[in-house]
Amino acid sequence: MPQLREVQARPGYRLWLRYEDGAQGEVDLAHLVGRGVFAVWADEAAFRRVTLGQQGQPRWDDDLDLCPDSLYLALTGREAAELFPSLAPAASHA
């Protein structure tokens, strides 16, 4: 899986991401605002405080981070089985 190299908060609860393989673009996270642990984002200033964590994950303070692999899939439209062949369903024969 390519490593996340850069993250920036954009207006409207969007993250701009750049991965080591050259994939880059925005992912819309507005649907998460106010839900569960994302309640803190009700203040958009809190969302804008995103940083890149030591493990290459977008993070907000010590309380919240997101999976960079999931964001990569959302950004590129690829399927998990494409990047992780062990997740592909086994062929079944009747």
PDB file of N, CA and C in Angstrom:
ATOM      1  N   MET A   1       0.856  -1.169   0.000  1.00  0.00           N
ATOM      2  CA  MET A   1       0.000   0.000   0.000  1.00  0.00           C
ATOM      3  C   MET A   1       0.902   1.233   0.000  1.00  0.00           C
ATOM      4  N   PRO A   2       0.636   2.175  -0.876  1.00  0.00           N
ATOM      5  CA  PRO A   2       1.433   3.414  -0.888  1.00  0.00           C
ATOM      6  C   PRO A   2       1.278   4.197   0.419  1.00  0.00           C
ATOM      7  N   GLN A   3       2.340   4.823   0.831  1.00  0.00           N
ATOM      8  CA  GLN A   3       2.336   5.631   2.055  1.00  0.00           C
ATOM      9  C   GLN A   3       1.778   7.023   1.776  1.00  0.00           C
ATOM     10  N   LEU A   4       1.012   7.516   2.727  1.00  0.00           N
ATOM     11  CA  LEU A   4       0.527   8.890   2.668  1.00  0.00           C
ATOM     12  C   LEU A   4       1.689   9.810   3.006  1.00  0.00           C
ATOM     13  N   ARG A   5       1.944  10.791   2.165  1.00  0.00           N
ATOM     14  CA  ARG A   5       3.074  11.704   2.344  1.00  0.00           C
ATOM     15  C   ARG A   5       2.676  13.119   2.755  1.00  0.00           C
ATOM     16  N   GLU A   6       1.434  13.515   2.412  1.00  0.00           N
ATOM     17  CA  GLU A   6       1.017  14.885   2.718  1.00  0.00           C
ATOM     18  C   GLU A   6      -0.491  14.925   2.893  1.00  0.00           C
ATOM     19  N   VAL A   7      -0.937  15.738   3.845  1.00  0.00           N
ATOM     20  CA  VAL A   7      -2.363  15.930   4.093  1.00  0.00           C
ATOM     21  C   VAL A   7      -2.615  17.404   4.393  1.00  0.00           C
ATOM     22  N   GLN A   8      -3.694  17.929   3.839  1.00  0.00           N
ATOM     23  CA  GLN A   8      -4.098  19.312   4.094  1.00  0.00           C
ATOM     24  C   GLN A   8      -5.615  19.357   4.224  1.00  0.00           C
ATOM     25  N   ALA A   9      -6.086  20.117   5.197  1.00  0.00           N
ATOM     26  CA  ALA A   9      -7.523  20.343   5.338  1.00  0.00           C
ATOM     27  C   ALA A   9      -7.953  21.380   4.309  1.00  0.00           C
ATOM     28  N   ARG A  10      -9.099  21.143   3.716  1.00  0.00           N
ATOM     29  CA  ARG A  10      -9.692  22.071   2.754  1.00  0.00           C
ATOM     30  C   ARG A  10     -11.086  22.448   3.246  1.00  0.00           C
ATOM     31  N   PRO A  11     -11.629  23.558   2.762  1.00  0.00           N
ATOM     32  CA  PRO A  11     -12.974  23.964   3.190  1.00  0.00           C
ATOM     33  C   PRO A  11     -14.010  22.882   2.908  1.00  0.00           C
ATOM     34  N   GLY A  12     -15.059  22.872   3.723  1.00  0.00           N
ATOM     35  CA  GLY A  12     -16.156  21.930   3.530  1.00  0.00           C
ATOM     36  C   GLY A  12     -15.837  20.528   3.995  1.00  0.00           C
ATOM     37  N   TYR A  13     -14.909  20.408   4.941  1.00  0.00           N
ATOM     38  CA  TYR A  13     -14.541  19.107   5.505  1.00  0.00           C
ATOM     39  C   TYR A  13     -13.993  18.155   4.449  1.00  0.00           C
ATOM     40  N   ARG A  14     -13.096  18.682   3.638  1.00  0.00           N
ATOM     41  CA  ARG A  14     -12.422  17.867   2.635  1.00  0.00           C
ATOM     42  C   ARG A  14     -10.952  17.780   3.005  1.00  0.00           C
ATOM     43  N   LEU A  15     -10.343  16.625   2.757  1.00  0.00           N
ATOM     44  CA  LEU A  15      -8.908  16.456   2.946  1.00  0.00           C
ATOM     45  C   LEU A  15      -8.260  16.313   1.584  1.00  0.00           C
ATOM     46  N   TRP A  16      -7.186  17.062   1.379  1.00  0.00           N
ATOM     47  CA  TRP A  16      -6.345  16.860   0.205  1.00  0.00           C
ATOM     48  C   TRP A  16      -5.223  15.925   0.640  1.00  0.00           C
ATOM     49  N   LEU A  17      -5.004  14.872  -0.147  1.00  0.00           N
ATOM     50  CA  LEU A  17      -4.030  13.836   0.190  1.00  0.00           C
ATOM     51  C   LEU A  17      -3.062  13.632  -0.966  1.00  0.00           C
ATOM     52  N   ARG A  18      -1.799  13.340  -0.623  1.00  0.00           N
ATOM     53  CA  ARG A  18      -0.809  12.971  -1.636  1.00  0.00           C
ATOM     54  C   ARG A  18      -0.082  11.733  -1.134  1.00  0.00           C
ATOM     55  N   TYR A  19      -0.092  10.679  -1.965  1.00  0.00           N
ATOM     56  CA  TYR A  19       0.548   9.411  -1.636  1.00  0.00           C
ATOM     57  C   TYR A  19       1.845   9.255  -2.418  1.00  0.00           C
ATOM     58  N   GLU A  20       2.709   8.367  -1.934  1.00  0.00           N
ATOM     59  CA  GLU A  20       4.028   8.197  -2.529  1.00  0.00           C
ATOM     60  C   GLU A  20       3.985   7.688  -3.969  1.00  0.00           C
ATOM     61  N   ASP A  21       2.886   7.075  -4.389  1.00  0.00           N
ATOM     62  CA  ASP A  21       2.792   6.576  -5.763  1.00  0.00           C
ATOM     63  C   ASP A  21       2.290   7.645  -6.735  1.00  0.00           C
ATOM     64  N   GLY A  22       2.094   8.869  -6.232  1.00  0.00           N
ATOM     65  CA  GLY A  22       1.631   9.968  -7.083  1.00  0.00           C
ATOM     66  C   GLY A  22       0.137  10.210  -7.010  1.00  0.00           C
ATOM     67  N   ALA A  23      -0.612   9.300  -6.419  1.00  0.00           N
ATOM     68  CA  ALA A  23      -2.057   9.527  -6.269  1.00  0.00           C
ATOM     69  C   ALA A  23      -2.271  10.732  -5.365  1.00  0.00           C
ATOM     70  N   GLN A  24      -3.128  11.634  -5.807  1.00  0.00           N
ATOM     71  CA  GLN A  24      -3.439  12.804  -4.998  1.00  0.00           C
ATOM     72  C   GLN A  24      -4.820  13.324  -5.357  1.00  0.00           C
ATOM     73  N   GLY A  25      -5.407  14.021  -4.412  1.00  0.00           N
ATOM     74  CA  GLY A  25      -6.731  14.586  -4.630  1.00  0.00           C
ATOM     75  C   GLY A  25      -7.445  14.760  -3.314  1.00  0.00           C
ATOM     76  N   GLU A  26      -8.726  15.073  -3.403  1.00  0.00           N
ATOM     77  CA  GLU A  26      -9.525  15.359  -2.214  1.00  0.00           C
ATOM     78  C   GLU A  26     -10.515  14.239  -1.906  1.00  0.00           C
ATOM     79  N   VAL A  27     -10.720  14.057  -0.612  1.00  0.00           N
ATOM     80  CA  VAL A  27     -11.732  13.132  -0.113  1.00  0.00           C
ATOM     81  C   VAL A  27     -12.679  13.940   0.763  1.00  0.00           C
ATOM     82  N   ASP A  28     -13.965  13.811   0.514  1.00  0.00           N
ATOM     83  CA  ASP A  28     -14.991  14.544   1.261  1.00  0.00           C
ATOM     84  C   ASP A  28     -15.363  13.765   2.520  1.00  0.00           C
ATOM     85  N   LEU A  29     -15.178  14.398   3.674  1.00  0.00           N
ATOM     86  CA  LEU A  29     -15.497  13.762   4.954  1.00  0.00           C
ATOM     87  C   LEU A  29     -16.674  14.431   5.658  1.00  0.00           C
ATOM     88  N   ALA A  30     -17.401  15.290   4.949  1.00  0.00           N
ATOM     89  CA  ALA A  30     -18.503  16.044   5.556  1.00  0.00           C
ATOM     90  C   ALA A  30     -19.564  15.131   6.154  1.00  0.00           C
ATOM     91  N   HIS A  31     -19.746  13.940   5.592  1.00  0.00           N
ATOM     92  CA  HIS A  31     -20.774  13.025   6.099  1.00  0.00           C
ATOM     93  C   HIS A  31     -20.461  12.509   7.507  1.00  0.00           C
ATOM     94  N   LEU A  32     -19.235  12.688   7.976  1.00  0.00           N
ATOM     95  CA  LEU A  32     -18.846  12.219   9.304  1.00  0.00           C
ATOM     96  C   LEU A  32     -19.048  13.272  10.405  1.00  0.00           C
ATOM     97  N   VAL A  33     -19.134  14.523  10.012  1.00  0.00           N
ATOM     98  CA  VAL A  33     -19.178  15.627  10.978  1.00  0.00           C
ATOM     99  C   VAL A  33     -20.333  15.456  11.962  1.00  0.00           C
ATOM    100  N   GLY A  34     -20.008  15.554  13.246  1.00  0.00           N
ATOM    101  CA  GLY A  34     -21.019  15.496  14.295  1.00  0.00           C
ATOM    102  C   GLY A  34     -21.407  14.096  14.720  1.00  0.00           C
ATOM    103  N   ARG A  35     -20.843  13.073  14.089  1.00  0.00           N
ATOM    104  CA  ARG A  35     -21.206  11.680  14.388  1.00  0.00           C
ATOM    105  C   ARG A  35     -20.137  11.042  15.262  1.00  0.00           C
ATOM    106  N   GLY A  36     -20.515  10.558  16.431  1.00  0.00           N
ATOM    107  CA  GLY A  36     -19.595   9.846  17.307  1.00  0.00           C
ATOM    108  C   GLY A  36     -18.333  10.634  17.606  1.00  0.00           C
ATOM    109  N   VAL A  37     -17.182  10.012  17.364  1.00  0.00           N
ATOM    110  CA  VAL A  37     -15.905  10.668  17.657  1.00  0.00           C
ATOM    111  C   VAL A  37     -15.671  11.895  16.779  1.00  0.00           C
ATOM    112  N   PHE A  38     -16.436  12.024  15.712  1.00  0.00           N
ATOM    113  CA  PHE A  38     -16.274  13.161  14.814  1.00  0.00           C
ATOM    114  C   PHE A  38     -17.073  14.383  15.269  1.00  0.00           C
ATOM    115  N   ALA A  39     -17.692  14.315  16.424  1.00  0.00           N
ATOM    116  CA  ALA A  39     -18.429  15.463  16.972  1.00  0.00           C
ATOM    117  C   ALA A  39     -17.513  16.665  17.142  1.00  0.00           C
ATOM    118  N   VAL A  40     -16.239  16.402  17.396  1.00  0.00           N
ATOM    119  CA  VAL A  40     -15.277  17.496  17.576  1.00  0.00           C
ATOM    120  C   VAL A  40     -15.163  18.355  16.317  1.00  0.00           C
ATOM    121  N   TRP A  41     -15.466  17.780  15.156  1.00  0.00           N
ATOM    122  CA  TRP A  41     -15.380  18.532  13.906  1.00  0.00           C
ATOM    123  C   TRP A  41     -16.539  19.504  13.717  1.00  0.00           C
ATOM    124  N   ALA A  42     -17.498  19.542  14.635  1.00  0.00           N
ATOM    125  CA  ALA A  42     -18.582  20.519  14.529  1.00  0.00           C
ATOM    126  C   ALA A  42     -17.997  21.928  14.439  1.00  0.00           C
ATOM    127  N   ASP A  43     -16.829  22.099  15.019  1.00  0.00           N
ATOM    128  CA  ASP A  43     -16.053  23.331  14.881  1.00  0.00           C
ATOM    129  C   ASP A  43     -15.055  23.088  13.751  1.00  0.00           C
ATOM    130  N   GLU A  44     -15.297  23.685  12.584  1.00  0.00           N
ATOM    131  CA  GLU A  44     -14.439  23.414  11.426  1.00  0.00           C
ATOM    132  C   GLU A  44     -12.984  23.776  11.691  1.00  0.00           C
ATOM    133  N   ALA A  45     -12.730  24.677  12.626  1.00  0.00           N
ATOM    134  CA  ALA A  45     -11.343  25.003  12.991  1.00  0.00           C
ATOM    135  C   ALA A  45     -10.634  23.767  13.545  1.00  0.00           C
ATOM    136  N   ALA A  46     -11.359  22.922  14.267  1.00  0.00           N
ATOM    137  CA  ALA A  46     -10.769  21.681  14.785  1.00  0.00           C
ATOM    138  C   ALA A  46     -10.391  20.758  13.629  1.00  0.00           C
ATOM    139  N   PHE A  47     -11.223  20.674  12.615  1.00  0.00           N
ATOM    140  CA  PHE A  47     -10.922  19.853  11.443  1.00  0.00           C
ATOM    141  C   PHE A  47      -9.658  20.334  10.738  1.00  0.00           C
ATOM    142  N   ARG A  48      -9.482  21.638  10.671  1.00  0.00           N
ATOM    143  CA  ARG A  48      -8.328  22.215   9.973  1.00  0.00           C
ATOM    144  C   ARG A  48      -7.003  21.935  10.681  1.00  0.00           C
ATOM    145  N   ARG A  49      -7.040  21.435  11.898  1.00  0.00           N
ATOM    146  CA  ARG A  49      -5.814  21.149  12.636  1.00  0.00           C
ATOM    147  C   ARG A  49      -5.249  19.758  12.339  1.00  0.00           C
ATOM    148  N   VAL A  50      -5.574  19.198  11.212  1.00  0.00           N
ATOM    149  CA  VAL A  50      -5.068  17.878  10.833  1.00  0.00           C
ATOM    150  C   VAL A  50      -3.544  17.934  10.642  1.00  0.00           C
ATOM    151  N   THR A  51      -2.896  16.862  11.061  1.00  0.00           N
ATOM    152  CA  THR A  51      -1.465  16.686  10.838  1.00  0.00           C
ATOM    153  C   THR A  51      -1.226  15.273  10.327  1.00  0.00           C
ATOM    154  N   LEU A  52      -0.019  15.014   9.872  1.00  0.00           N
ATOM    155  CA  LEU A  52       0.364  13.681   9.440  1.00  0.00           C
ATOM    156  C   LEU A  52       1.060  12.995  10.604  1.00  0.00           C
ATOM    157  N   GLY A  53       0.470  11.904  11.082  1.00  0.00           N
ATOM    158  CA  GLY A  53       1.009  11.182  12.230  1.00  0.00           C
ATOM    159  C   GLY A  53       2.264  10.394  11.892  1.00  0.00           C
ATOM    160  N   GLN A  54       2.915   9.888  12.906  1.00  0.00           N
ATOM    161  CA  GLN A  54       4.158   9.143  12.741  1.00  0.00           C
ATOM    162  C   GLN A  54       3.985   7.881  11.911  1.00  0.00           C
ATOM    163  N   GLN A  55       2.807   7.318  11.907  1.00  0.00           N
ATOM    164  CA  GLN A  55       2.535   6.108  11.117  1.00  0.00           C
ATOM    165  C   GLN A  55       1.962   6.443   9.741  1.00  0.00           C
ATOM    166  N   GLY A  56       1.994   7.714   9.367  1.00  0.00           N
ATOM    167  CA  GLY A  56       1.492   8.126   8.059  1.00  0.00           C
ATOM    168  C   GLY A  56      -0.005   8.265   7.995  1.00  0.00           C
ATOM    169  N   GLN A  57      -0.651   8.544   9.121  1.00  0.00           N
ATOM    170  CA  GLN A  57      -2.099   8.668   9.165  1.00  0.00           C
ATOM    171  C   GLN A  57      -2.496  10.120   9.419  1.00  0.00           C
ATOM    172  N   PRO A  58      -3.611  10.569   8.805  1.00  0.00           N
ATOM    173  CA  PRO A  58      -4.139  11.881   9.164  1.00  0.00           C
ATOM    174  C   PRO A  58      -4.606  11.812  10.616  1.00  0.00           C
ATOM    175  N   ARG A  59      -4.234  12.820  11.402  1.00  0.00           N
ATOM    176  CA  ARG A  59      -4.620  12.781  12.816  1.00  0.00           C
ATOM    177  C   ARG A  59      -4.952  14.175  13.316  1.00  0.00           C
ATOM    178  N   TRP A  60      -5.749  14.168  14.356  1.00  0.00           N
ATOM    179  CA  TRP A  60      -6.189  15.380  15.032  1.00  0.00           C
ATOM    180  C   TRP A  60      -5.881  15.170  16.506  1.00  0.00           C
ATOM    181  N   ASP A  61      -4.888  15.865  17.021  1.00  0.00           N
ATOM    182  CA  ASP A  61      -4.450  15.714  18.412  1.00  0.00           C
ATOM    183  C   ASP A  61      -4.152  14.234  18.688  1.00  0.00           C
ATOM    184  N   ASP A  62      -4.382  13.791  19.898  1.00  0.00           N
ATOM    185  CA  ASP A  62      -4.132  12.389  20.234  1.00  0.00           C
ATOM    186  C   ASP A  62      -5.413  11.572  20.247  1.00  0.00           C
ATOM    187  N   ASP A  63      -6.523  12.207  19.914  1.00  0.00           N
ATOM    188  CA  ASP A  63      -7.815  11.557  20.084  1.00  0.00           C
ATOM    189  C   ASP A  63      -8.401  10.933  18.834  1.00  0.00           C
ATOM    190  N   LEU A  64      -7.947  11.338  17.667  1.00  0.00           N
ATOM    191  CA  LEU A  64      -8.627  10.917  16.447  1.00  0.00           C
ATOM    192  C   LEU A  64      -7.631  10.780  15.302  1.00  0.00           C
ATOM    193  N   ASP A  65      -7.699   9.664  14.611  1.00  0.00           N
ATOM    194  CA  ASP A  65      -6.951   9.503  13.368  1.00  0.00           C
ATOM    195  C   ASP A  65      -7.772   8.664  12.401  1.00  0.00           C
ATOM    196  N   LEU A  66      -7.374   8.708  11.140  1.00  0.00           N
ATOM    197  CA  LEU A  66      -8.075   7.958  10.098  1.00  0.00           C
ATOM    198  C   LEU A  66      -7.105   7.008   9.405  1.00  0.00           C
ATOM    199  N   CYS A  67      -7.630   5.924   8.899  1.00  0.00           N
ATOM    200  CA  CYS A  67      -6.834   4.919   8.212  1.00  0.00           C
ATOM    201  C   CYS A  67      -6.406   5.445   6.834  1.00  0.00           C
ATOM    202  N   PRO A  68      -5.101   5.585   6.609  1.00  0.00           N
ATOM    203  CA  PRO A  68      -4.664   6.083   5.304  1.00  0.00           C
ATOM    204  C   PRO A  68      -4.973   5.115   4.163  1.00  0.00           C
ATOM    205  N   ASP A  69      -5.062   3.818   4.452  1.00  0.00           N
ATOM    206  CA  ASP A  69      -5.402   2.845   3.416  1.00  0.00           C
ATOM    207  C   ASP A  69      -6.842   3.035   2.943  1.00  0.00           C
ATOM    208  N   SER A  70      -7.758   3.229   3.883  1.00  0.00           N
ATOM    209  CA  SER A  70      -9.159   3.473   3.524  1.00  0.00           C
ATOM    210  C   SER A  70      -9.305   4.750   2.711  1.00  0.00           C
ATOM    211  N   LEU A  71      -8.564   5.771   3.097  1.00  0.00           N
ATOM    212  CA  LEU A  71      -8.614   7.030   2.353  1.00  0.00           C
ATOM    213  C   LEU A  71      -8.056   6.861   0.942  1.00  0.00           C
ATOM    214  N   TYR A  72      -7.023   6.044   0.816  1.00  0.00           N
ATOM    215  CA  TYR A  72      -6.446   5.764  -0.505  1.00  0.00           C
ATOM    216  C   TYR A  72      -7.492   5.105  -1.406  1.00  0.00           C
ATOM    217  N   LEU A  73      -8.201   4.133  -0.871  1.00  0.00           N
ATOM    218  CA  LEU A  73      -9.244   3.456  -1.650  1.00  0.00           C
ATOM    219  C   LEU A  73     -10.336   4.440  -2.057  1.00  0.00           C
ATOM    220  N   ALA A  74     -10.741   5.311  -1.132  1.00  0.00           N
ATOM    221  CA  ALA A  74     -11.769   6.310  -1.448  1.00  0.00           C
ATOM    222  C   ALA A  74     -11.274   7.281  -2.514  1.00  0.00           C
ATOM    223  N   LEU A  75     -10.023   7.662  -2.426  1.00  0.00           N
ATOM    224  CA  LEU A  75      -9.440   8.618  -3.363  1.00  0.00           C
ATOM    225  C   LEU A  75      -9.307   8.027  -4.762  1.00  0.00           C
ATOM    226  N   THR A  76      -8.841   6.800  -4.852  1.00  0.00           N
ATOM    227  CA  THR A  76      -8.532   6.206  -6.152  1.00  0.00           C
ATOM    228  C   THR A  76      -9.677   5.403  -6.755  1.00  0.00           C
ATOM    229  N   GLY A  77     -10.671   5.041  -5.924  1.00  0.00           N
ATOM    230  CA  GLY A  77     -11.765   4.212  -6.415  1.00  0.00           C
ATOM    231  C   GLY A  77     -11.382   2.751  -6.593  1.00  0.00           C
ATOM    232  N   ARG A  78     -10.221   2.387  -6.104  1.00  0.00           N
ATOM    233  CA  ARG A  78      -9.779   0.989  -6.212  1.00  0.00           C
ATOM    234  C   ARG A  78     -10.441   0.150  -5.128  1.00  0.00           C
ATOM    235  N   GLU A  79     -10.418  -1.150  -5.319  1.00  0.00           N
ATOM    236  CA  GLU A  79     -10.976  -2.106  -4.364  1.00  0.00           C
ATOM    237  C   GLU A  79      -9.860  -2.651  -3.486  1.00  0.00           C
ATOM    238  N   ALA A  80     -10.189  -2.984  -2.252  1.00  0.00           N
ATOM    239  CA  ALA A  80      -9.201  -3.518  -1.319  1.00  0.00           C
ATOM    240  C   ALA A  80      -8.523  -4.767  -1.877  1.00  0.00           C
ATOM    241  N   ALA A  81      -9.278  -5.633  -2.553  1.00  0.00           N
ATOM    242  CA  ALA A  81      -8.711  -6.873  -3.083  1.00  0.00           C
ATOM    243  C   ALA A  81      -7.656  -6.616  -4.157  1.00  0.00           C
ATOM    244  N   GLU A  82      -7.706  -5.457  -4.821  1.00  0.00           N
ATOM    245  CA  GLU A  82      -6.679  -5.120  -5.807  1.00  0.00           C
ATOM    246  C   GLU A  82      -5.327  -4.887  -5.134  1.00  0.00           C
ATOM    247  N   LEU A  83      -5.373  -4.293  -3.963  1.00  0.00           N
ATOM    248  CA  LEU A  83      -4.150  -3.937  -3.245  1.00  0.00           C
ATOM    249  C   LEU A  83      -3.734  -5.002  -2.249  1.00  0.00           C
ATOM    250  N   PHE A  84      -4.688  -5.775  -1.794  1.00  0.00           N
ATOM    251  CA  PHE A  84      -4.442  -6.843  -0.830  1.00  0.00           C
ATOM    252  C   PHE A  84      -5.014  -8.132  -1.413  1.00  0.00           C
ATOM    253  N   PRO A  85      -4.268  -8.822  -2.270  1.00  0.00           N
ATOM    254  CA  PRO A  85      -4.801 -10.012  -2.958  1.00  0.00           C
ATOM    255  C   PRO A  85      -5.332 -11.090  -2.008  1.00  0.00           C
ATOM    256  N   SER A  86      -4.830 -11.139  -0.800  1.00  0.00           N
ATOM    257  CA  SER A  86      -5.327 -12.153   0.134  1.00  0.00           C
ATOM    258  C   SER A  86      -6.783 -11.910   0.528  1.00  0.00           C
ATOM    259  N   LEU A  87      -7.303 -10.727   0.256  1.00  0.00           N
ATOM    260  CA  LEU A  87      -8.701 -10.426   0.563  1.00  0.00           C
ATOM    261  C   LEU A  87      -9.658 -10.873  -0.539  1.00  0.00           C
ATOM    262  N   ALA A  88      -9.116 -11.195  -1.687  1.00  0.00           N
ATOM    263  CA  ALA A  88      -9.969 -11.606  -2.812  1.00  0.00           C
ATOM    264  C   ALA A  88     -10.692 -12.901  -2.464  1.00  0.00           C
ATOM    265  N   PRO A  89     -11.960 -12.974  -2.802  1.00  0.00           N
ATOM    266  CA  PRO A  89     -12.698 -14.222  -2.504  1.00  0.00           C
ATOM    267  C   PRO A  89     -12.122 -15.385  -3.302  1.00  0.00           C
ATOM    268  N   ALA A  90     -12.079 -16.512  -2.660  1.00  0.00           N
ATOM    269  CA  ALA A  90     -11.595 -17.712  -3.331  1.00  0.00           C
ATOM    270  C   ALA A  90     -12.615 -18.173  -4.357  1.00  0.00           C
ATOM    271  N   ALA A  91     -12.133 -18.685  -5.463  1.00  0.00           N
ATOM    272  CA  ALA A  91     -13.036 -19.205  -6.489  1.00  0.00           C
ATOM    273  C   ALA A  91     -13.715 -20.452  -5.964  1.00  0.00           C
ATOM    274  N   SER A  92     -14.989 -20.525  -6.197  1.00  0.00           N
ATOM    275  CA  SER A  92     -15.710 -21.727  -5.771  1.00  0.00           C
ATOM    276  C   SER A  92     -16.185 -22.471  -7.009  1.00  0.00           C
ATOM    277  N   HIS A  93     -16.161 -23.764  -6.913  1.00  0.00           N
ATOM    278  CA  HIS A  93     -16.590 -24.603  -8.020  1.00  0.00           C
ATOM    279  C   HIS A  93     -17.798 -25.418  -7.599  1.00  0.00           C
ATOM    280  N   ALA A  94     -18.770 -25.453  -8.459  1.00  0.00           N
ATOM    281  CA  ALA A  94     -19.990 -26.194  -8.139  1.00  0.00           C
ATOM    282  C   ALA A  94     -19.856 -27.640  -8.451  1.00  0.00           C
TER     283      ALA A  94
END
